[in-house]
Protein backbone atom coordinates (compact mmCIF):
# COMPACT_ATOMS: atom_id res chain seq x y z
CA MET A 1 -18.70 -4.60 -6.27
CA ALA A 2 -16.98 -6.67 -3.56
CA ASN A 3 -13.66 -6.59 -1.72
CA TYR A 4 -11.71 -9.73 -0.80
CA THR A 5 -8.63 -10.74 1.20
CA PHE A 6 -5.87 -12.29 -0.88
CA PRO A 7 -5.40 -16.05 -0.24
CA SER A 8 -2.75 -17.07 2.30
CA ILE A 9 -0.19 -18.02 -0.34
CA GLY A 10 3.38 -16.77 -0.05
CA LEU A 11 4.59 -14.49 -2.83
CA ARG A 12 7.71 -15.26 -4.85
CA SER A 13 8.24 -11.61 -5.72
CA MET A 14 6.41 -8.29 -5.72
CA ASN A 15 7.60 -5.34 -7.78
CA ILE A 16 6.10 -2.21 -6.17
CA ARG A 17 5.98 1.11 -8.00
CA ALA A 18 5.05 4.55 -6.65
CA ARG A 19 3.41 6.57 -9.43
CA ASN A 20 3.40 10.39 -9.39
CA VAL A 21 1.70 12.69 -11.89
CA VAL A 22 4.14 15.55 -12.48
CA SER A 23 4.23 17.68 -15.63
CA VAL A 24 7.43 19.31 -16.86
CA SER A 25 7.61 21.82 -19.71
CA SER A 26 10.89 23.22 -21.03
CA SER A 27 11.40 26.45 -22.95
CA PRO A 28 12.69 25.66 -26.46
CA PHE A 29 14.81 28.81 -26.24
CA THR A 30 16.37 28.72 -22.76
CA GLY A 31 15.73 25.18 -21.55
CA GLN A 32 14.24 26.62 -18.37
CA GLN A 33 11.76 24.22 -16.86
CA GLN A 34 8.37 24.71 -15.29
CA VAL A 35 7.29 21.87 -13.03
CA TYR A 36 3.80 21.21 -11.69
CA LYS A 37 2.88 18.50 -9.21
CA HIS A 38 -0.64 17.20 -9.84
CA GLN A 39 -2.74 15.42 -7.22
CA GLY A 40 -2.37 11.97 -8.72
CA GLN A 41 -0.31 9.52 -6.62
CA TRP A 42 -0.89 5.78 -6.44
CA TRP A 43 0.72 2.36 -6.04
CA GLU A 44 1.21 -0.19 -8.80
CA ALA A 45 2.62 -3.71 -8.50
CA GLU A 46 3.50 -6.85 -10.38
CA VAL A 47 3.11 -10.02 -8.31
CA THR A 48 4.68 -13.40 -9.05
CA LEU A 49 3.57 -16.40 -7.02
CA PRO A 50 5.87 -19.37 -6.33
CA PRO A 51 5.50 -22.49 -8.47
CA MET A 52 2.49 -24.37 -7.12
CA LYS A 53 0.81 -27.70 -7.50
CA ARG A 54 -2.85 -28.00 -8.33
CA ASP A 55 -4.48 -27.62 -4.88
CA ASP A 56 -2.94 -24.23 -4.07
CA ALA A 57 -2.80 -22.98 -7.64
CA GLU A 58 -6.46 -23.58 -8.42
CA THR A 59 -7.44 -21.75 -5.23
CA VAL A 60 -5.52 -18.68 -6.41
CA ALA A 61 -6.73 -18.99 -10.00
CA ALA A 62 -10.34 -19.13 -8.82
CA PHE A 63 -9.73 -16.11 -6.57
CA LEU A 64 -8.30 -14.04 -9.43
CA ILE A 65 -11.13 -15.02 -11.76
CA LYS A 66 -13.66 -14.17 -9.01
CA LEU A 67 -12.39 -10.59 -9.14
CA ASN A 68 -14.10 -10.27 -12.55
CA GLY A 69 -11.18 -8.41 -14.06
CA GLN A 70 -10.93 -4.87 -12.74
CA TYR A 71 -14.39 -4.87 -11.15
CA ASN A 72 -13.81 -6.26 -7.64
CA THR A 73 -10.93 -5.38 -5.30
CA PHE A 74 -8.68 -7.17 -2.83
CA ASN A 75 -6.41 -6.42 0.13
CA LEU A 76 -2.69 -7.11 -0.11
CA GLY A 77 0.45 -5.84 1.61
CA ASP A 78 4.22 -5.89 1.17
CA PRO A 79 5.21 -9.47 2.08
CA ALA A 80 8.73 -8.45 3.20
CA ASN A 81 7.57 -5.67 5.53
CA THR A 82 4.85 -7.02 7.79
CA SER A 83 6.25 -5.21 10.84
CA PRO A 84 7.91 -1.79 11.18
CA ARG A 85 11.66 -1.32 11.41
CA GLY A 86 10.94 1.30 14.06
CA VAL A 87 10.02 0.55 17.66
CA GLY A 88 6.33 0.65 16.74
CA THR A 89 4.92 0.43 20.27
CA GLY A 90 1.76 1.95 21.68
CA THR A 91 -1.73 2.18 20.22
CA PRO A 92 -1.38 4.71 17.39
CA LEU A 93 -4.42 6.77 16.41
CA VAL A 94 -5.12 9.72 14.13
CA ASN A 95 -4.95 12.89 16.22
CA GLY A 96 -7.52 15.32 14.85
CA GLY A 97 -9.92 15.27 11.92
CA SER A 98 -9.82 17.34 8.72
CA GLN A 99 -6.19 16.46 8.00
CA THR A 100 -4.92 16.75 4.43
CA GLY A 101 -1.60 16.74 2.63
CA SER A 102 1.59 14.74 3.08
CA SER A 103 1.81 14.59 6.87
CA LEU A 104 -0.33 12.85 9.46
CA VAL A 105 -0.62 14.02 13.08
CA THR A 106 -0.97 11.03 15.41
CA ASP A 107 -1.02 10.11 19.08
CA GLY A 108 -1.17 7.01 21.27
CA TRP A 109 2.46 6.01 20.77
CA THR A 110 4.80 5.00 23.57
CA THR A 111 6.03 8.31 25.00
CA SER A 112 9.41 9.92 24.32
CA THR A 113 10.61 7.24 21.90
CA THR A 114 13.24 7.86 19.25
CA GLY A 115 12.58 5.94 16.05
CA ILE A 116 9.00 4.98 16.87
CA LEU A 117 8.79 4.51 13.08
CA LYS A 118 11.59 4.44 10.52
CA ALA A 119 11.74 5.79 6.99
CA GLY A 120 10.38 3.09 4.70
CA ASP A 121 7.91 1.63 7.19
CA TRP A 122 4.31 1.15 6.07
CA ILE A 123 1.14 2.31 7.79
CA GLN A 124 -2.44 1.44 6.91
CA LEU A 125 -5.38 3.79 7.25
CA GLY A 126 -8.92 2.46 6.98
CA SER A 127 -9.99 -1.18 6.75
CA GLY A 128 -11.53 -3.56 4.26
CA ALA A 129 -12.29 -1.88 0.94
CA SER A 130 -11.18 1.49 2.36
CA SER A 131 -7.68 0.27 3.35
CA LYS A 132 -4.92 2.59 2.16
CA LEU A 133 -1.18 1.98 2.29
CA HIS A 134 1.15 4.88 3.07
CA LYS A 135 4.95 4.81 3.10
CA VAL A 136 6.71 6.61 5.97
CA LEU A 137 9.23 9.02 4.41
CA ASP A 138 11.28 10.11 7.44
CA ASP A 139 12.23 8.66 10.81
CA VAL A 140 9.57 9.48 13.42
CA ASN A 141 10.00 10.23 17.14
CA SER A 142 7.21 10.43 19.70
CA ASP A 143 7.09 13.24 22.23
CA ALA A 144 6.46 13.18 25.99
CA SER A 145 2.70 12.88 25.36
CA GLY A 146 2.97 10.09 22.77
CA ASN A 147 2.30 12.42 19.85
CA ALA A 148 4.09 12.07 16.51
CA THR A 149 3.78 13.65 13.07
CA ILE A 150 4.43 11.26 10.18
CA SER A 151 5.57 12.34 6.72
CA ILE A 152 3.78 10.00 4.28
CA TRP A 153 3.36 9.07 0.61
CA PRO A 154 0.90 9.18 -1.06
CA ASP A 155 -0.78 12.32 0.24
CA LEU A 156 -4.03 11.91 2.12
CA ARG A 157 -6.84 11.74 -0.45
CA SER A 158 -9.52 12.09 2.20
CA SER A 159 -9.36 13.16 5.82
CA PRO A 160 -9.27 10.25 8.27
CA LEU A 161 -11.51 10.54 11.31
CA ASP A 162 -10.14 11.68 14.64
CA ASN A 163 -9.02 8.65 16.67
CA ALA A 164 -9.07 6.39 13.61
CA THR A 165 -6.85 3.35 14.06
CA ILE A 166 -3.42 3.28 12.40
CA THR A 167 -2.33 -0.25 11.48
CA ILE A 168 1.41 -0.97 11.55
CA SER A 169 1.35 -4.79 11.79
CA SER A 170 0.79 -6.51 8.41
CA PRO A 171 -0.57 -3.32 6.81
CA LYS A 172 -2.49 -3.75 3.58
CA GLY A 173 -3.89 -1.61 0.82
CA THR A 174 -6.82 -2.08 -1.54
CA TRP A 175 -5.94 -3.12 -5.07
CA ARG A 176 -7.65 -4.00 -8.32
CA LEU A 177 -6.23 -5.95 -11.25
CA ALA A 178 -4.52 -3.87 -13.91
CA SER A 179 -6.17 -5.90 -16.66
CA ASN A 180 -9.47 -7.62 -17.32
CA GLU A 181 -7.58 -10.71 -18.49
CA ILE A 182 -6.29 -13.53 -16.24
CA ASN A 183 -3.45 -15.81 -17.43
CA TYR A 184 -1.70 -18.71 -15.78
CA SER A 185 0.50 -21.53 -17.03
CA ILE A 186 0.64 -25.29 -16.35
CA ASP A 187 3.72 -27.31 -17.31
CA GLU A 188 4.16 -31.03 -18.02
CA ALA A 189 4.77 -31.71 -14.30
CA SER A 190 1.45 -30.02 -13.43
CA VAL A 191 3.28 -27.09 -11.84
CA TYR A 192 1.39 -23.83 -12.16
CA GLY A 193 2.88 -20.39 -12.79
CA ILE A 194 0.81 -17.33 -11.87
CA THR A 195 1.79 -13.68 -12.34
CA PHE A 196 -0.51 -10.66 -12.31
CA ALA A 197 -0.33 -6.87 -12.27
CA CYS A 198 -2.43 -4.67 -10.01
CA VAL A 199 -2.99 -1.00 -9.22
CA GLU A 200 -4.19 0.75 -6.09
CA ALA A 201 -7.98 1.01 -6.06
CA LEU A 202 -8.88 4.70 -5.98
């Protein structure tokens, strides 16, 4: 199994979906609901590339075929959010090992900064095949020591190491194709159309 970086081709559109596994049961007599949040949380996406001529299109087609369906993985980020809306200065690191759950304790930020990150910003933990994308859920301020606690989605699935790097510039996650089938179209003007669906590699 191998992991690749997606070719440097601009995306026409990317439909990103956050998937939660939550069960709800309702009493047939009172309508009262019981709700249970399971551990499952992951990203899904549908990607449409711009119309391309042969040189660019065949590079992408070969890349997608090289993935061997759902076997290999690739790194890809949100093309419209390559930098944070927040101030985003400093050298952010994970502050302390053994962290779990939906918040991440960090340090290394510029001190005493309001809006060091904004709700909706992305952060990346890990690198290569272990890259994970997390969405920042609330505005984040750093304290006088450069510490900040970030509310994130999805929850941490494994504990990052103390002092692990947090990537905020062009963050990417690890994806695999949602299907073992690759399709692309070619029209009479030799313009290619390529669309594919992918899911976060877990």
